[in-house]
């Protein structure tokens, strides 16, 4: 990678997007010193995760940012266990957010974090199915917490506190170069696209995306797995699903999928186990 060329393209793309260095740092979850060094060409071979986060934050493709030709067609492989398609969960697997977001809302409303969390779970499934709007969710949360509706802004709390699990996101990018990959997530309307645009998720060419809010069903309901299998376009025994919820995994296993629990309390160890499991045959 041409570090100085990358730095110049980054600066041009950032300015074209109307972003200051500080704003780009916030969007891409980077330190100011790292960003300035990349723009100066002082960092040799920045990680693909960092470059991908920057590309998503300034709204350009990874190829545009690094100045490379389109990548060649993948020579798709299978793992030692015969897996050719890997579905990744988002929350608790590729990003952390829950506890920090609950703490943010607790600070905004004066309610205790445990009450905020309990209240959140009363309505989360409806929003993730797309049957409740974010506005109605905020209103219902505020009413249950006994505060003014203006004090509850879940979307703001979510995006201010989201924290990428870098090790796992790097593994996702690595896997996408060898296998077909997809996202299978319970998520609120519009959030997935914003995560990619903000560089908080790798903005790669996914082979399938199963967004609960777009299809009207959530994990661990059977219908979401049927849709996911259709979109994967391969036999059930060639699918691996990585998720942080045992309930979600147990719902997929009877279909013949391979499943793996991700422990987000120990992300490095969990990522190492996943990497070992998906080594090519």
Protein backbone atom coordinates (compact mmCIF):
# COMPACT_ATOMS: atom_id res chain seq x y z
CA UNK A 1 0.00 0.00 0.00
CA UNK A 2 1.31 3.47 -0.93
CA UNK A 3 1.13 5.22 2.45
CA UNK A 4 1.57 8.77 1.11
CA UNK A 5 -0.92 8.17 -1.69
CA UNK A 6 -3.39 6.77 0.82
CA UNK A 7 -2.91 9.81 3.06
CA UNK A 8 -3.59 12.20 0.19
CA UNK A 9 -6.69 10.30 -0.97
CA UNK A 10 -7.94 10.18 2.61
CA UNK A 11 -7.50 13.92 3.07
CA UNK A 12 -9.27 14.63 -0.24
CA UNK A 13 -12.16 12.27 0.59
CA UNK A 14 -12.50 13.72 4.10
CA UNK A 15 -12.62 17.29 2.80
CA UNK A 16 -15.09 16.30 0.06
CA UNK A 17 -17.32 14.82 2.78
CA UNK A 18 -17.11 18.10 4.69
CA UNK A 19 -15.52 16.49 7.74
CA UNK A 20 -12.87 17.84 10.06
CA UNK A 21 -10.24 15.45 11.35
CA UNK A 22 -11.98 15.42 14.72
CA UNK A 23 -15.34 14.55 13.13
CA UNK A 24 -13.80 11.73 11.11
CA UNK A 25 -12.11 10.37 14.23
CA UNK A 26 -15.49 10.24 15.97
CA UNK A 27 -17.21 8.54 13.04
CA UNK A 28 -14.46 5.99 12.46
CA UNK A 29 -13.71 5.43 16.17
CA UNK A 30 -10.04 6.39 15.69
CA UNK A 31 -7.62 8.36 17.82
CA UNK A 32 -6.66 11.79 16.49
CA UNK A 33 -2.97 10.88 16.42
CA UNK A 34 -3.62 7.76 14.33
CA UNK A 35 -5.64 9.67 11.77
CA UNK A 36 -3.11 12.48 11.40
CA UNK A 37 -0.28 9.98 10.97
CA UNK A 38 -2.19 8.15 8.23
CA UNK A 39 -2.90 11.43 6.43
CA UNK A 40 0.82 12.28 6.60
CA UNK A 41 1.77 8.83 5.34
CA UNK A 42 3.67 8.16 8.55
CA UNK A 43 2.05 4.78 9.27
CA UNK A 44 3.18 1.91 7.09
CA UNK A 45 0.50 -0.62 6.23
CA UNK A 46 -2.37 0.51 8.50
CA UNK A 47 -4.70 -2.39 9.35
CA UNK A 48 -7.46 -3.26 6.90
CA UNK A 49 -9.97 -2.70 9.70
CA UNK A 50 -8.76 0.88 10.19
CA UNK A 51 -8.79 1.66 6.47
CA UNK A 52 -12.24 0.09 6.10
CA UNK A 53 -13.58 2.16 8.99
CA UNK A 54 -12.23 5.35 7.41
CA UNK A 55 -13.68 4.46 4.00
CA UNK A 56 -17.11 3.89 5.49
CA UNK A 57 -16.94 7.12 7.49
CA UNK A 58 -16.10 9.29 4.44
CA UNK A 59 -18.53 7.46 2.16
CA UNK A 60 -16.13 5.91 -0.37
CA UNK A 61 -15.29 2.32 -1.21
CA UNK A 62 -12.22 0.62 0.18
CA UNK A 63 -10.80 0.34 -3.36
CA UNK A 64 -11.24 4.08 -3.96
CA UNK A 65 -9.43 4.90 -0.76
CA UNK A 66 -6.46 2.60 -1.26
CA UNK A 67 -6.34 3.37 -5.01
CA UNK A 68 -6.35 -0.27 -6.05
CA UNK A 69 -8.03 -2.01 -8.92
CA UNK A 70 -11.16 -4.02 -8.18
CA UNK A 71 -10.19 -7.19 -6.33
CA UNK A 72 -10.13 -10.41 -8.34
CA UNK A 73 -12.95 -12.88 -8.02
CA UNK A 74 -12.66 -14.90 -4.83
CA UNK A 75 -11.37 -18.43 -5.02
CA UNK A 76 -14.04 -19.64 -2.60
CA UNK A 77 -12.96 -22.27 -0.13
CA UNK A 78 -14.43 -24.57 2.49
CA UNK A 79 -13.32 -24.99 6.07
CA UNK A 80 -12.02 -28.27 7.42
CA UNK A 81 -15.59 -29.07 8.55
CA UNK A 82 -17.06 -28.30 5.13
CA UNK A 83 -18.40 -24.81 5.85
CA UNK A 84 -18.65 -22.47 2.84
CA UNK A 85 -20.94 -19.74 4.26
CA UNK A 86 -20.54 -17.91 7.58
CA UNK A 87 -23.27 -15.81 9.20
CA UNK A 88 -22.11 -13.31 11.81
CA UNK A 89 -24.35 -11.83 14.49
CA UNK A 90 -23.89 -8.07 14.99
CA UNK A 91 -24.63 -7.20 18.63
CA UNK A 92 -22.35 -8.99 21.05
CA UNK A 93 -20.29 -10.41 18.19
CA UNK A 94 -19.16 -7.54 15.95
CA UNK A 95 -20.06 -4.63 18.24
CA UNK A 96 -20.63 -3.90 21.95
CA UNK A 97 -23.29 -1.41 22.89
CA UNK A 98 -25.87 -2.45 25.47
CA UNK A 99 -24.38 -1.54 28.85
CA UNK A 100 -22.86 1.78 27.76
CA UNK A 101 -26.08 2.78 26.01
CA UNK A 102 -28.14 1.91 29.07
CA UNK A 103 -25.77 3.98 31.23
CA UNK A 104 -26.11 6.90 28.79
CA UNK A 105 -29.91 6.82 28.98
CA UNK A 106 -29.76 6.47 32.75
CA UNK A 107 -27.65 9.65 32.91
CA UNK A 108 -30.05 11.44 30.52
CA UNK A 109 -33.20 10.47 32.41
CA UNK A 110 -32.08 10.13 36.02
CA UNK A 111 -33.39 6.54 36.11
CA UNK A 112 -31.18 3.71 37.32
CA UNK A 113 -29.38 1.70 34.63
CA UNK A 114 -31.09 -1.55 35.63
CA UNK A 115 -34.54 0.04 35.25
CA UNK A 116 -33.54 1.45 31.85
CA UNK A 117 -32.37 -2.00 30.76
CA UNK A 118 -35.54 -3.73 31.96
CA UNK A 119 -37.67 -1.13 30.20
CA UNK A 120 -35.65 -1.48 26.98
CA UNK A 121 -36.31 -5.21 26.75
CA UNK A 122 -40.08 -4.65 27.05
CA UNK A 123 -40.12 -3.02 23.60
CA UNK A 124 -36.95 -4.03 21.78
CA UNK A 125 -38.45 -7.05 19.99
CA UNK A 126 -41.26 -4.95 18.49
CA UNK A 127 -38.85 -2.38 17.07
CA UNK A 128 -36.51 -5.06 15.73
CA UNK A 129 -39.48 -6.67 13.95
CA UNK A 130 -40.29 -3.30 12.41
CA UNK A 131 -43.73 -3.20 14.03
CA UNK A 132 -42.86 -0.24 16.28
CA UNK A 133 -41.11 2.94 15.15
CA UNK A 134 -38.11 4.40 16.95
CA UNK A 135 -40.27 7.44 17.83
CA UNK A 136 -42.92 5.22 19.43
CA UNK A 137 -40.20 3.24 21.19
CA UNK A 138 -38.77 6.43 22.71
CA UNK A 139 -42.26 7.53 23.77
CA UNK A 140 -43.06 4.18 25.38
CA UNK A 141 -39.69 4.12 27.16
CA UNK A 142 -40.20 7.64 28.49
CA UNK A 143 -43.69 6.85 29.75
CA UNK A 144 -42.55 3.72 31.55
CA UNK A 145 -39.58 5.57 33.08
CA UNK A 146 -41.82 8.45 34.13
CA UNK A 147 -39.86 11.13 32.26
CA UNK A 148 -40.53 13.57 29.44
CA UNK A 149 -40.30 12.05 25.93
CA UNK A 150 -37.61 14.59 25.00
CA UNK A 151 -35.25 12.91 27.51
CA UNK A 152 -35.22 9.58 25.67
CA UNK A 153 -33.35 9.27 22.37
CA UNK A 154 -32.35 5.66 21.93
CA UNK A 155 -30.79 6.15 18.49
CA UNK A 156 -28.48 8.86 19.82
CA UNK A 157 -27.51 6.79 22.87
CA UNK A 158 -26.84 3.77 20.67
CA UNK A 159 -24.60 5.48 18.13
CA UNK A 160 -22.74 7.54 20.74
CA UNK A 161 -21.78 4.43 22.70
CA UNK A 162 -21.35 1.73 20.05
CA UNK A 163 -17.97 0.03 20.30
CA UNK A 164 -16.63 -2.20 17.48
CA UNK A 165 -15.16 -5.54 18.49
CA UNK A 166 -12.08 -5.00 16.37
CA UNK A 167 -10.68 -8.53 16.51
CA UNK A 168 -13.92 -10.03 15.23
CA UNK A 169 -14.42 -7.39 12.56
CA UNK A 170 -10.94 -8.10 11.23
CA UNK A 171 -11.82 -11.81 11.17
CA UNK A 172 -15.00 -11.02 9.22
CA UNK A 173 -12.97 -9.16 6.57
CA UNK A 174 -10.47 -12.05 6.44
CA UNK A 175 -13.29 -14.59 6.08
CA UNK A 176 -14.98 -12.57 3.31
CA UNK A 177 -11.89 -13.06 1.14
CA UNK A 178 -12.19 -16.86 1.39
CA UNK A 179 -15.82 -17.75 2.01
CA UNK A 180 -19.28 -16.35 1.48
CA UNK A 181 -20.28 -14.25 4.49
CA UNK A 182 -23.44 -12.62 5.77
CA UNK A 183 -24.99 -10.75 8.68
CA UNK A 184 -27.90 -12.26 10.62
CA UNK A 185 -29.09 -9.73 13.17
CA UNK A 186 -31.91 -8.48 15.34
CA UNK A 187 -31.64 -4.74 14.80
CA UNK A 188 -33.77 -1.59 14.66
CA UNK A 189 -34.81 -0.03 11.33
CA UNK A 190 -32.01 1.75 9.48
CA UNK A 191 -29.36 1.00 12.10
CA UNK A 192 -27.46 -1.57 10.03
CA UNK A 193 -26.92 0.78 7.09
CA UNK A 194 -25.78 3.54 9.44
CA UNK A 195 -23.31 1.23 11.15
CA UNK A 196 -21.73 0.49 7.77
CA UNK A 197 -21.80 4.11 6.64
CA UNK A 198 -20.22 5.26 9.91
CA UNK A 199 -17.43 2.70 9.64
CA UNK A 200 -18.66 0.92 12.77
CA UNK A 201 -19.10 -2.26 10.73
CA UNK A 202 -16.98 -3.37 7.77
CA UNK A 203 -18.62 -1.95 4.64
CA UNK A 204 -17.78 -4.96 2.50
CA UNK A 205 -19.82 -6.76 -0.15
CA UNK A 206 -21.82 -9.17 1.99
CA UNK A 207 -23.22 -12.21 0.24
CA UNK A 208 -26.40 -12.03 2.32
CA UNK A 209 -27.85 -9.65 4.91
CA UNK A 210 -30.76 -10.72 7.09
CA UNK A 211 -32.01 -7.60 8.89
CA UNK A 212 -34.87 -8.44 11.26
CA UNK A 213 -36.49 -5.02 10.89
CA UNK A 214 -36.77 -5.51 7.11
CA UNK A 215 -38.25 -9.01 7.15
CA UNK A 216 -40.56 -8.76 10.19
CA UNK A 217 -39.18 -11.64 12.22
CA UNK A 218 -36.43 -11.94 14.84
CA UNK A 219 -34.07 -14.57 16.22
CA UNK A 220 -34.82 -17.15 17.57
CA UNK A 221 -38.08 -17.38 15.60
CA UNK A 222 -37.96 -20.18 12.96
CA UNK A 223 -38.90 -17.94 10.01
CA UNK A 224 -35.74 -15.82 10.18
CA UNK A 225 -33.54 -18.91 9.80
CA UNK A 226 -35.57 -20.15 6.82
CA UNK A 227 -35.02 -16.79 5.11
CA UNK A 228 -31.34 -16.81 6.02
CA UNK A 229 -30.85 -20.29 4.59
CA UNK A 230 -32.56 -19.31 1.32
CA UNK A 231 -30.31 -16.26 1.01
CA UNK A 232 -27.18 -18.27 1.78
CA UNK A 233 -27.91 -20.43 -1.25
CA UNK A 234 -26.04 -23.47 0.00
CA UNK A 235 -26.85 -26.68 1.90
CA UNK A 236 -27.58 -26.27 5.60
CA UNK A 237 -24.54 -28.30 6.59
CA UNK A 238 -22.27 -25.75 4.86
CA UNK A 239 -23.51 -22.84 7.00
CA UNK A 240 -21.75 -21.69 10.19
CA UNK A 241 -23.59 -19.23 12.45
CA UNK A 242 -21.62 -17.27 15.07
CA UNK A 243 -23.75 -15.59 17.75
CA UNK A 244 -23.48 -14.59 21.42
CA UNK A 245 -26.87 -16.07 22.36
CA UNK A 246 -27.32 -19.77 23.10
CA UNK A 247 -31.05 -19.48 22.37
CA UNK A 248 -30.35 -18.13 18.89
CA UNK A 249 -27.82 -20.86 18.19
CA UNK A 250 -30.04 -23.66 19.46
CA UNK A 251 -32.79 -22.50 17.10
CA UNK A 252 -30.41 -22.81 14.14
CA UNK A 253 -28.86 -26.16 15.03
CA UNK A 254 -31.94 -28.34 14.24
CA UNK A 255 -31.79 -27.03 10.67
CA UNK A 256 -28.43 -28.71 10.26
CA UNK A 257 -26.34 -25.53 10.61
CA UNK A 258 -22.99 -25.47 12.35
CA UNK A 259 -23.09 -23.05 15.30
CA UNK A 260 -20.52 -21.32 17.49
CA UNK A 261 -21.03 -19.28 20.66
CA UNK A 262 -19.13 -15.99 20.82
CA UNK A 263 -18.19 -14.79 24.31
CA UNK A 264 -18.06 -10.99 24.07
CA UNK A 265 -16.71 -10.78 27.62
CA UNK A 266 -13.50 -12.35 26.28
CA UNK A 267 -13.37 -11.17 22.66
CA UNK A 268 -9.77 -12.07 21.89
CA UNK A 269 -10.13 -15.65 23.11
CA UNK A 270 -13.48 -16.01 21.35
CA UNK A 271 -12.08 -14.62 18.11
CA UNK A 272 -9.10 -16.96 18.29
CA UNK A 273 -11.47 -19.94 18.62
CA UNK A 274 -13.53 -18.73 15.66
CA UNK A 275 -10.42 -18.19 13.54
CA UNK A 276 -9.20 -21.69 14.30
CA UNK A 277 -12.60 -23.16 13.40
CA UNK A 278 -12.78 -21.48 9.99
CA UNK A 279 -9.32 -22.27 8.70
CA UNK A 280 -9.48 -23.54 5.09
CA UNK A 281 -9.34 -27.26 4.50
